[in-house]
PDB file of N, CA and C in Angstrom:
ATOM      1  N   MET A   1     -26.944  21.510   3.023  1.00  0.00           N
ATOM      2  CA  MET A   1     -26.160  20.384   3.490  1.00  0.00           C
ATOM      3  C   MET A   1     -26.221  19.249   2.481  1.00  0.00           C
ATOM      4  N   THR A   2     -25.154  18.522   2.418  1.00  0.00           N
ATOM      5  CA  THR A   2     -25.136  17.368   1.525  1.00  0.00           C
ATOM      6  C   THR A   2     -25.671  16.155   2.269  1.00  0.00           C
ATOM      7  N   ASP A   3     -26.056  15.147   1.506  1.00  0.00           N
ATOM      8  CA  ASP A   3     -26.592  13.933   2.098  1.00  0.00           C
ATOM      9  C   ASP A   3     -25.531  12.851   2.230  1.00  0.00           C
ATOM     10  N   GLU A   4     -24.256  13.239   2.186  1.00  0.00           N
ATOM     11  CA  GLU A   4     -23.190  12.257   2.297  1.00  0.00           C
ATOM     12  C   GLU A   4     -23.077  11.787   3.738  1.00  0.00           C
ATOM     13  N   LYS A   5     -22.937  10.473   3.885  1.00  0.00           N
ATOM     14  CA  LYS A   5     -22.801   9.909   5.223  1.00  0.00           C
ATOM     15  C   LYS A   5     -21.376  10.135   5.719  1.00  0.00           C
ATOM     16  N   VAL A   6     -21.249  10.570   6.967  1.00  0.00           N
ATOM     17  CA  VAL A   6     -19.945  10.740   7.593  1.00  0.00           C
ATOM     18  C   VAL A   6     -19.798   9.623   8.609  1.00  0.00           C
ATOM     19  N   TYR A   7     -18.747   8.848   8.441  1.00  0.00           N
ATOM     20  CA  TYR A   7     -18.516   7.716   9.321  1.00  0.00           C
ATOM     21  C   TYR A   7     -17.875   8.174  10.621  1.00  0.00           C
ATOM     22  N   PRO A   8     -17.772   7.293  11.624  1.00  0.00           N
ATOM     23  CA  PRO A   8     -17.189   7.682  12.914  1.00  0.00           C
ATOM     24  C   PRO A   8     -15.761   8.246  12.807  1.00  0.00           C
ATOM     25  N   THR A   9     -15.065   7.922  11.729  1.00  0.00           N
ATOM     26  CA  THR A   9     -13.713   8.455  11.539  1.00  0.00           C
ATOM     27  C   THR A   9     -13.734   9.926  11.145  1.00  0.00           C
ATOM     28  N   GLY A  10     -14.890  10.421  10.738  1.00  0.00           N
ATOM     29  CA  GLY A  10     -14.994  11.799  10.286  1.00  0.00           C
ATOM     30  C   GLY A  10     -14.829  11.924   8.789  1.00  0.00           C
ATOM     31  N   LEU A  11     -14.669  10.798   8.092  1.00  0.00           N
ATOM     32  CA  LEU A  11     -14.489  10.810   6.644  1.00  0.00           C
ATOM     33  C   LEU A  11     -15.794  10.480   5.940  1.00  0.00           C
ATOM     34  N   THR A  12     -15.956  11.084   4.780  1.00  0.00           N
ATOM     35  CA  THR A  12     -17.071  10.663   3.937  1.00  0.00           C
ATOM     36  C   THR A  12     -16.635   9.422   3.171  1.00  0.00           C
ATOM     37  N   GLU A  13     -17.576   8.777   2.532  1.00  0.00           N
ATOM     38  CA  GLU A  13     -17.244   7.560   1.785  1.00  0.00           C
ATOM     39  C   GLU A  13     -16.258   7.870   0.657  1.00  0.00           C
ATOM     40  N   LYS A  14     -16.419   8.997  -0.015  1.00  0.00           N
ATOM     41  CA  LYS A  14     -15.527   9.384  -1.105  1.00  0.00           C
ATOM     42  C   LYS A  14     -14.098   9.587  -0.586  1.00  0.00           C
ATOM     43  N   GLU A  15     -13.955  10.247   0.565  1.00  0.00           N
ATOM     44  CA  GLU A  15     -12.630  10.469   1.146  1.00  0.00           C
ATOM     45  C   GLU A  15     -11.994   9.152   1.579  1.00  0.00           C
ATOM     46  N   ALA A  16     -12.795   8.274   2.164  1.00  0.00           N
ATOM     47  CA  ALA A  16     -12.282   6.979   2.609  1.00  0.00           C
ATOM     48  C   ALA A  16     -11.790   6.149   1.426  1.00  0.00           C
ATOM     49  N   ILE A  17     -12.522   6.177   0.322  1.00  0.00           N
ATOM     50  CA  ILE A  17     -12.109   5.438  -0.874  1.00  0.00           C
ATOM     51  C   ILE A  17     -10.815   6.018  -1.435  1.00  0.00           C
ATOM     52  N   GLU A  18     -10.696   7.336  -1.426  1.00  0.00           N
ATOM     53  CA  GLU A  18      -9.485   7.988  -1.928  1.00  0.00           C
ATOM     54  C   GLU A  18      -8.262   7.589  -1.087  1.00  0.00           C
ATOM     55  N   ILE A  19      -8.405   7.588   0.228  1.00  0.00           N
ATOM     56  CA  ILE A  19      -7.302   7.186   1.105  1.00  0.00           C
ATOM     57  C   ILE A  19      -6.974   5.719   0.894  1.00  0.00           C
ATOM     58  N   ASN A  20      -8.012   4.898   0.744  1.00  0.00           N
ATOM     59  CA  ASN A  20      -7.796   3.464   0.527  1.00  0.00           C
ATOM     60  C   ASN A  20      -7.015   3.207  -0.752  1.00  0.00           C
ATOM     61  N   GLU A  21      -7.328   3.922  -1.813  1.00  0.00           N
ATOM     62  CA  GLU A  21      -6.596   3.754  -3.079  1.00  0.00           C
ATOM     63  C   GLU A  21      -5.127   4.118  -2.899  1.00  0.00           C
ATOM     64  N   GLY A  22      -4.851   5.188  -2.188  1.00  0.00           N
ATOM     65  CA  GLY A  22      -3.466   5.579  -1.931  1.00  0.00           C
ATOM     66  C   GLY A  22      -2.723   4.533  -1.125  1.00  0.00           C
ATOM     67  N   LEU A  23      -3.379   3.977  -0.126  1.00  0.00           N
ATOM     68  CA  LEU A  23      -2.754   2.934   0.685  1.00  0.00           C
ATOM     69  C   LEU A  23      -2.483   1.673  -0.139  1.00  0.00           C
ATOM     70  N   LYS A  24      -3.401   1.333  -1.025  1.00  0.00           N
ATOM     71  CA  LYS A  24      -3.192   0.147  -1.872  1.00  0.00           C
ATOM     72  C   LYS A  24      -1.990   0.337  -2.784  1.00  0.00           C
ATOM     73  N   TRP A  25      -1.869   1.541  -3.389  1.00  0.00           N
ATOM     74  CA  TRP A  25      -0.714   1.788  -4.260  1.00  0.00           C
ATOM     75  C   TRP A  25       0.581   1.789  -3.472  1.00  0.00           C
ATOM     76  N   GLY A  26       0.555   2.368  -2.276  1.00  0.00           N
ATOM     77  CA  GLY A  26       1.736   2.368  -1.431  1.00  0.00           C
ATOM     78  C   GLY A  26       2.167   0.956  -1.054  1.00  0.00           C
ATOM     79  N   THR A  27       1.199   0.103  -0.766  1.00  0.00           N
ATOM     80  CA  THR A  27       1.499  -1.285  -0.420  1.00  0.00           C
ATOM     81  C   THR A  27       2.079  -2.028  -1.618  1.00  0.00           C
ATOM     82  N   ARG A  28       1.543  -1.782  -2.789  1.00  0.00           N
ATOM     83  CA  ARG A  28       2.069  -2.434  -4.002  1.00  0.00           C
ATOM     84  C   ARG A  28       3.516  -2.023  -4.264  1.00  0.00           C
ATOM     85  N   ILE A  29       3.803  -0.741  -4.133  1.00  0.00           N
ATOM     86  CA  ILE A  29       5.166  -0.255  -4.364  1.00  0.00           C
ATOM     87  C   ILE A  29       6.114  -0.830  -3.326  1.00  0.00           C
ATOM     88  N   TYR A  30       5.706  -0.821  -2.057  1.00  0.00           N
ATOM     89  CA  TYR A  30       6.532  -1.377  -0.987  1.00  0.00           C
ATOM     90  C   TYR A  30       6.794  -2.864  -1.240  1.00  0.00           C
ATOM     91  N   GLY A  31       5.764  -3.583  -1.646  1.00  0.00           N
ATOM     92  CA  GLY A  31       5.922  -5.011  -1.930  1.00  0.00           C
ATOM     93  C   GLY A  31       6.872  -5.265  -3.090  1.00  0.00           C
ATOM     94  N   ALA A  32       6.773  -4.455  -4.131  1.00  0.00           N
ATOM     95  CA  ALA A  32       7.659  -4.623  -5.290  1.00  0.00           C
ATOM     96  C   ALA A  32       9.117  -4.366  -4.900  1.00  0.00           C
ATOM     97  N   ILE A  33       9.341  -3.351  -4.092  1.00  0.00           N
ATOM     98  CA  ILE A  33      10.708  -3.065  -3.630  1.00  0.00           C
ATOM     99  C   ILE A  33      11.219  -4.214  -2.771  1.00  0.00           C
ATOM    100  N   ALA A  34      10.370  -4.757  -1.905  1.00  0.00           N
ATOM    101  CA  ALA A  34      10.770  -5.871  -1.043  1.00  0.00           C
ATOM    102  C   ALA A  34      11.119  -7.110  -1.865  1.00  0.00           C
ATOM    103  N   VAL A  35      10.307  -7.411  -2.870  1.00  0.00           N
ATOM    104  CA  VAL A  35      10.586  -8.573  -3.729  1.00  0.00           C
ATOM    105  C   VAL A  35      11.910  -8.366  -4.461  1.00  0.00           C
ATOM    106  N   PHE A  36      12.120  -7.183  -4.998  1.00  0.00           N
ATOM    107  CA  PHE A  36      13.367  -6.872  -5.694  1.00  0.00           C
ATOM    108  C   PHE A  36      14.560  -7.019  -4.756  1.00  0.00           C
ATOM    109  N   ALA A  37      14.442  -6.523  -3.532  1.00  0.00           N
ATOM    110  CA  ALA A  37      15.538  -6.615  -2.565  1.00  0.00           C
ATOM    111  C   ALA A  37      15.834  -8.074  -2.216  1.00  0.00           C
ATOM    112  N   HIS A  38      14.802  -8.882  -2.079  1.00  0.00           N
ATOM    113  CA  HIS A  38      15.013 -10.299  -1.769  1.00  0.00           C
ATOM    114  C   HIS A  38      15.677 -11.031  -2.933  1.00  0.00           C
ATOM    115  N   ILE A  39      15.289 -10.696  -4.140  1.00  0.00           N
ATOM    116  CA  ILE A  39      15.922 -11.321  -5.314  1.00  0.00           C
ATOM    117  C   ILE A  39      17.394 -10.923  -5.376  1.00  0.00           C
ATOM    118  N   LEU A  40      17.687  -9.650  -5.169  1.00  0.00           N
ATOM    119  CA  LEU A  40      19.087  -9.209  -5.158  1.00  0.00           C
ATOM    120  C   LEU A  40      19.886  -9.906  -4.057  1.00  0.00           C
ATOM    121  N   ALA A  41      19.311 -10.032  -2.874  1.00  0.00           N
ATOM    122  CA  ALA A  41      20.015 -10.697  -1.776  1.00  0.00           C
ATOM    123  C   ALA A  41      20.294 -12.156  -2.135  1.00  0.00           C
ATOM    124  N   TYR A  42      19.348 -12.825  -2.768  1.00  0.00           N
ATOM    125  CA  TYR A  42      19.545 -14.215  -3.160  1.00  0.00           C
ATOM    126  C   TYR A  42      20.652 -14.342  -4.211  1.00  0.00           C
ATOM    127  N   ILE A  43      20.647 -13.437  -5.180  1.00  0.00           N
ATOM    128  CA  ILE A  43      21.643 -13.493  -6.259  1.00  0.00           C
ATOM    129  C   ILE A  43      23.048 -13.151  -5.740  1.00  0.00           C
ATOM    130  N   LEU A  44      23.137 -12.161  -4.882  1.00  0.00           N
ATOM    131  CA  LEU A  44      24.434 -11.647  -4.458  1.00  0.00           C
ATOM    132  C   LEU A  44      25.004 -12.309  -3.210  1.00  0.00           C
ATOM    133  N   THR A  45      24.274 -13.231  -2.600  1.00  0.00           N
ATOM    134  CA  THR A  45      24.763 -13.893  -1.396  1.00  0.00           C
ATOM    135  C   THR A  45      25.207 -15.294  -1.739  1.00  0.00           C
ATOM    136  N   PRO A  46      26.525 -15.540  -1.707  1.00  0.00           N
ATOM    137  CA  PRO A  46      27.043 -16.826  -2.179  1.00  0.00           C
ATOM    138  C   PRO A  46      26.623 -18.022  -1.328  1.00  0.00           C
ATOM    139  N   TRP A  47      26.400 -17.873  -0.027  1.00  0.00           N
ATOM    140  CA  TRP A  47      26.108 -19.045   0.796  1.00  0.00           C
ATOM    141  C   TRP A  47      24.668 -19.522   0.659  1.00  0.00           C
ATOM    142  N   LEU A  48      23.835 -18.806  -0.049  1.00  0.00           N
ATOM    143  CA  LEU A  48      22.458 -19.262  -0.284  1.00  0.00           C
ATOM    144  C   LEU A  48      22.349 -20.112  -1.549  1.00  0.00           C
ATOM    145  N   GLN A  49      23.380 -20.155  -2.369  1.00  0.00           N
ATOM    146  CA  GLN A  49      23.312 -20.868  -3.634  1.00  0.00           C
ATOM    147  C   GLN A  49      23.895 -22.251  -3.528  1.00  0.00           C
TER     148      GLN A  49
END
């Protein structure tokens, strides 16, 4: 048996860190798309200027 701690979620620390990294990248990509969409909406919407 390994000495890795399993948290109440059933994940080891290594697995939890791996999932966390994926979630962080997903959030960054989603945020970048949202910022881009808001900039496009501002540029292309005449009543906001």
